[in-house]
Amino acid sequence: MEESIFLISFLLLFGCVFIVFQKDLSELAGKSKTGEAPVAGVGENETLPEYRAQPIINGSELKLYYKLERWRRKHAPNHSLSVQVKYGSFITASSPKIRGLVQNSVADFVLWGPDRYVRVIIEFDGAGHYGDSLTDAAAAKERDRKKNAAALSANIPLIRVGQDTPEGEIEQALIKVLKIAPSPVIVQAEVDRVDHVKV
C-alpha cells in the first residue's frame, strides 16, 4: 500500500515537473501557448491585428502621378517626385504646438531638389476630396487651410490640382512656381512669400 502511494505521488510529481519544464522550453524557443512566436506589444492572450497591404495612391492620383513624372523627367530631371509624404518630414517650426498642426498631415506629391528641400507641394483635390457630407467638407477645408498656411509660412509653393485639370495647366503652374522658388529662401517680409497656385 505504501509502495502504491509512493508510486502515485512520484508519478504526479514527475508529471508536474514535466509540464513546467515543457512550458519553459517552449518559452525559450520563442513560442507562446498557441505555438506562434510572440509579437512585441501584443500580450500573450491577445491576438495579432490583421494587417493587409493596400495601394499607396488611388487610381486618380496614379494618373496625376504619371503626368507629374512625365513633366519632371522632361523639365526637372535632377529633382525627385515622392508621394504621400508627411508635412512633418519637410516642414518644421520652433514651437511644438505649431509644428503639431500639420506634422502628421500628408502631402499627395512633393517635388524635391538635389539639396533635399521640397521645391513644390502638389495637392490633388479629386472627386472625393470633400467627402459625402457637409461635416466631411468642412473638415477637408480646415485641413486644406492648415496645409496652405504651413506651406505659405515655410515659403514652399503649393499647387492644388482639381479632378479634371488639363495637363497643360498643371505644367504651366509647375513652371511658374519653380521659377519663383528655385531654392529655399528666408522669408523676411510678406513680399518674399511665393504664390500659391490653384489650377
Protein backbone atom coordinates (compact mmCIF):
# COMPACT_ATOMS: atom_id res chain seq x y z
CA MET A 1 0.00 0.00 0.00
CA GLU A 2 2.78 2.41 0.90
CA GLU A 3 4.54 1.49 -2.32
CA SER A 4 1.48 2.32 -4.44
CA ILE A 5 1.01 5.68 -2.63
CA PHE A 6 4.70 6.42 -3.20
CA LEU A 7 4.43 5.43 -6.87
CA ILE A 8 1.30 7.59 -7.42
CA SER A 9 2.97 10.55 -5.64
CA PHE A 10 6.11 10.08 -7.71
CA LEU A 11 4.13 9.98 -10.97
CA LEU A 12 2.14 13.10 -10.04
CA LEU A 13 5.32 14.96 -9.10
CA PHE A 14 7.06 13.80 -12.29
CA GLY A 15 4.06 14.89 -14.38
CA CYS A 16 4.02 18.38 -12.82
CA VAL A 17 7.76 18.80 -13.33
CA PHE A 18 7.43 17.63 -16.94
CA ILE A 19 4.62 20.12 -17.69
CA VAL A 20 6.53 23.03 -16.13
CA PHE A 21 9.74 22.03 -17.91
CA GLN A 22 7.95 21.75 -21.27
CA LYS A 23 6.38 25.23 -20.79
CA ASP A 24 9.82 26.71 -20.03
CA LEU A 25 11.28 25.05 -23.13
CA SER A 26 8.55 26.45 -25.38
CA GLU A 27 9.13 29.96 -23.94
CA LEU A 28 12.86 29.59 -24.52
CA ALA A 29 12.17 28.59 -28.11
CA GLY A 30 10.10 31.79 -28.56
CA LYS A 31 6.74 30.06 -28.71
CA SER A 32 3.53 31.07 -27.00
CA LYS A 33 0.83 28.69 -25.80
CA THR A 34 -0.64 28.77 -29.31
CA GLY A 35 2.65 27.70 -30.84
CA GLU A 36 3.21 31.07 -32.54
CA ALA A 37 6.22 33.31 -31.99
CA PRO A 38 5.49 36.21 -29.59
CA VAL A 39 4.91 39.66 -31.11
CA ALA A 40 6.27 42.79 -29.43
CA GLY A 41 3.49 44.90 -27.96
CA VAL A 42 0.91 42.10 -28.11
CA GLY A 43 0.10 40.33 -24.85
CA GLU A 44 0.03 36.56 -24.51
CA ASN A 45 -3.78 36.40 -24.55
CA GLU A 46 -4.19 38.99 -27.32
CA THR A 47 -4.38 38.18 -31.00
CA LEU A 48 -2.30 39.93 -33.62
CA PRO A 49 -4.41 42.50 -35.50
CA GLU A 50 -4.99 41.65 -39.12
CA TYR A 51 -2.98 43.87 -41.44
CA ARG A 52 -3.08 43.86 -45.20
CA ALA A 53 -1.26 45.75 -47.92
CA GLN A 54 -3.02 48.48 -49.84
CA PRO A 55 -2.07 50.73 -52.77
CA ILE A 56 -0.10 53.80 -51.75
CA ILE A 57 -2.24 56.03 -54.03
CA ASN A 58 -5.65 55.63 -55.66
CA GLY A 59 -6.35 55.39 -59.40
CA SER A 60 -6.98 59.11 -59.92
CA GLU A 61 -3.81 60.01 -58.02
CA LEU A 62 -1.90 57.49 -60.13
CA LYS A 63 -2.99 59.28 -63.32
CA LEU A 64 -1.75 62.58 -61.88
CA TYR A 65 1.48 60.89 -60.77
CA TYR A 66 2.17 59.80 -64.37
CA LYS A 67 1.58 63.38 -65.61
CA LEU A 68 3.87 64.84 -62.93
CA GLU A 69 6.57 62.23 -63.51
CA ARG A 70 6.50 62.84 -67.27
CA TRP A 71 6.90 66.59 -66.64
CA ARG A 72 9.67 66.01 -64.09
CA ARG A 73 11.70 63.84 -66.47
CA LYS A 74 11.46 66.45 -69.21
CA HIS A 75 11.83 69.71 -67.25
CA ALA A 76 13.44 68.87 -63.88
CA PRO A 77 15.39 65.60 -64.22
CA ASN A 78 17.61 66.45 -61.25
CA HIS A 79 14.54 66.64 -58.98
CA SER A 80 12.67 63.73 -57.42
CA LEU A 81 8.94 63.14 -57.12
CA SER A 82 7.61 61.49 -53.96
CA VAL A 83 4.07 60.52 -52.98
CA GLN A 84 2.23 60.53 -49.64
CA VAL A 85 4.87 62.48 -47.69
CA LYS A 86 4.14 63.74 -44.17
CA TYR A 87 4.42 67.51 -43.84
CA GLY A 88 6.46 66.95 -40.68
CA SER A 89 9.26 65.46 -42.78
CA PHE A 90 9.85 68.68 -44.75
CA ILE A 91 8.28 71.48 -42.65
CA THR A 92 9.14 72.27 -39.04
CA ALA A 93 8.55 75.04 -36.50
CA SER A 94 10.25 76.06 -33.28
CA SER A 95 7.01 75.70 -31.33
CA PRO A 96 5.81 72.10 -30.80
CA LYS A 97 2.22 73.36 -30.80
CA ILE A 98 2.60 75.00 -34.21
CA ARG A 99 4.62 72.06 -35.56
CA GLY A 100 1.86 69.69 -34.46
CA LEU A 101 -0.79 71.45 -36.54
CA VAL A 102 0.39 69.80 -39.77
CA GLN A 103 3.10 67.39 -38.68
CA ASN A 104 1.04 64.29 -39.50
CA SER A 105 -0.79 65.76 -42.48
CA VAL A 106 0.18 64.11 -45.73
CA ALA A 107 1.09 65.83 -49.00
CA ASP A 108 -0.15 63.94 -52.04
CA PHE A 109 3.02 64.74 -54.01
CA VAL A 110 6.22 66.67 -53.41
CA LEU A 111 8.89 67.61 -55.89
CA TRP A 112 12.24 67.99 -54.16
CA GLY A 113 15.64 69.11 -55.38
CA PRO A 114 19.14 67.69 -55.14
CA ASP A 115 19.63 69.79 -51.99
CA ARG A 116 16.84 67.64 -50.39
CA TYR A 117 14.49 70.61 -49.91
CA VAL A 118 10.93 70.39 -51.19
CA ARG A 119 10.52 72.80 -54.09
CA VAL A 120 6.76 72.37 -54.60
CA ILE A 121 3.86 70.57 -52.92
CA ILE A 122 1.11 69.22 -55.17
CA GLU A 123 -2.23 68.52 -53.51
CA PHE A 124 -4.81 66.56 -55.51
CA ASP A 125 -8.33 67.69 -54.75
CA GLY A 126 -10.08 64.87 -56.57
CA ALA A 127 -13.74 63.92 -56.74
CA GLY A 128 -13.80 62.51 -53.19
CA HIS A 129 -11.70 65.24 -51.60
CA TYR A 130 -14.60 66.90 -49.81
CA GLY A 131 -16.30 63.67 -48.74
CA ASP A 132 -20.02 62.86 -48.73
CA SER A 133 -21.39 65.30 -46.17
CA LEU A 134 -21.19 68.89 -45.03
CA THR A 135 -19.21 67.74 -42.00
CA ASP A 136 -16.68 65.95 -44.25
CA ALA A 137 -16.41 69.03 -46.48
CA ALA A 138 -15.83 71.33 -43.50
CA ALA A 139 -13.12 69.02 -42.15
CA ALA A 140 -11.41 68.86 -45.57
CA LYS A 141 -11.47 72.65 -45.90
CA GLU A 142 -9.92 73.02 -42.45
CA ARG A 143 -7.16 70.52 -43.31
CA ASP A 144 -6.52 72.38 -46.56
CA ARG A 145 -6.39 75.72 -44.73
CA LYS A 146 -3.74 74.39 -42.31
CA LYS A 147 -1.66 72.89 -45.13
CA ASN A 148 -1.89 76.11 -47.16
CA ALA A 149 -0.83 78.22 -44.17
CA ALA A 150 2.10 75.93 -43.33
CA ALA A 151 3.36 75.90 -46.91
CA LEU A 152 3.00 79.67 -47.21
CA SER A 153 4.83 80.23 -43.93
CA ALA A 154 7.64 77.86 -44.96
CA ASN A 155 7.86 79.56 -48.36
CA ILE A 156 7.12 76.36 -50.25
CA PRO A 157 4.86 76.71 -53.29
CA LEU A 158 1.69 74.65 -53.11
CA ILE A 159 -0.37 73.73 -56.16
CA ARG A 160 -3.92 72.42 -55.78
CA VAL A 161 -4.98 70.27 -58.72
CA GLY A 162 -8.65 69.51 -59.35
CA GLN A 163 -10.03 66.26 -60.75
CA ASP A 164 -10.32 67.40 -64.39
CA THR A 165 -7.44 69.87 -64.62
CA PRO A 166 -5.82 69.73 -68.08
CA GLU A 167 -2.22 68.58 -68.12
CA GLY A 168 -1.08 71.84 -69.78
CA GLU A 169 -2.38 73.91 -66.87
CA ILE A 170 -0.55 71.70 -64.37
CA GLU A 171 2.67 72.08 -66.36
CA GLN A 172 2.32 75.88 -66.51
CA ALA A 173 1.74 76.04 -62.75
CA LEU A 174 4.85 73.93 -62.11
CA ILE A 175 6.97 76.15 -64.36
CA LYS A 176 5.63 79.27 -62.63
CA VAL A 177 6.31 78.15 -59.07
CA LEU A 178 9.69 76.58 -59.77
CA LYS A 179 10.88 79.86 -61.30
CA ILE A 180 9.61 81.69 -58.22
CA ALA A 181 11.32 79.37 -55.76
CA PRO A 182 14.43 77.85 -57.38
CA SER A 183 15.87 77.19 -53.90
CA PRO A 184 14.83 77.74 -50.28
CA VAL A 185 14.82 81.39 -49.20
CA ILE A 186 14.36 83.07 -45.86
CA VAL A 187 11.02 84.81 -45.66
CA GLN A 188 11.63 88.28 -44.24
CA ALA A 189 8.58 90.13 -45.49
CA GLU A 190 5.19 89.40 -46.99
CA VAL A 191 6.54 90.30 -50.44
CA ASP A 192 9.04 87.40 -50.21
CA ARG A 193 6.32 84.80 -49.97
CA VAL A 194 5.75 82.62 -53.02
CA ASP A 195 2.50 82.41 -54.90
CA HIS A 196 0.14 79.54 -54.28
CA VAL A 197 -1.50 78.34 -57.41
CA LYS A 198 -4.87 76.66 -57.73
CA VAL A 199 -5.29 75.09 -61.16
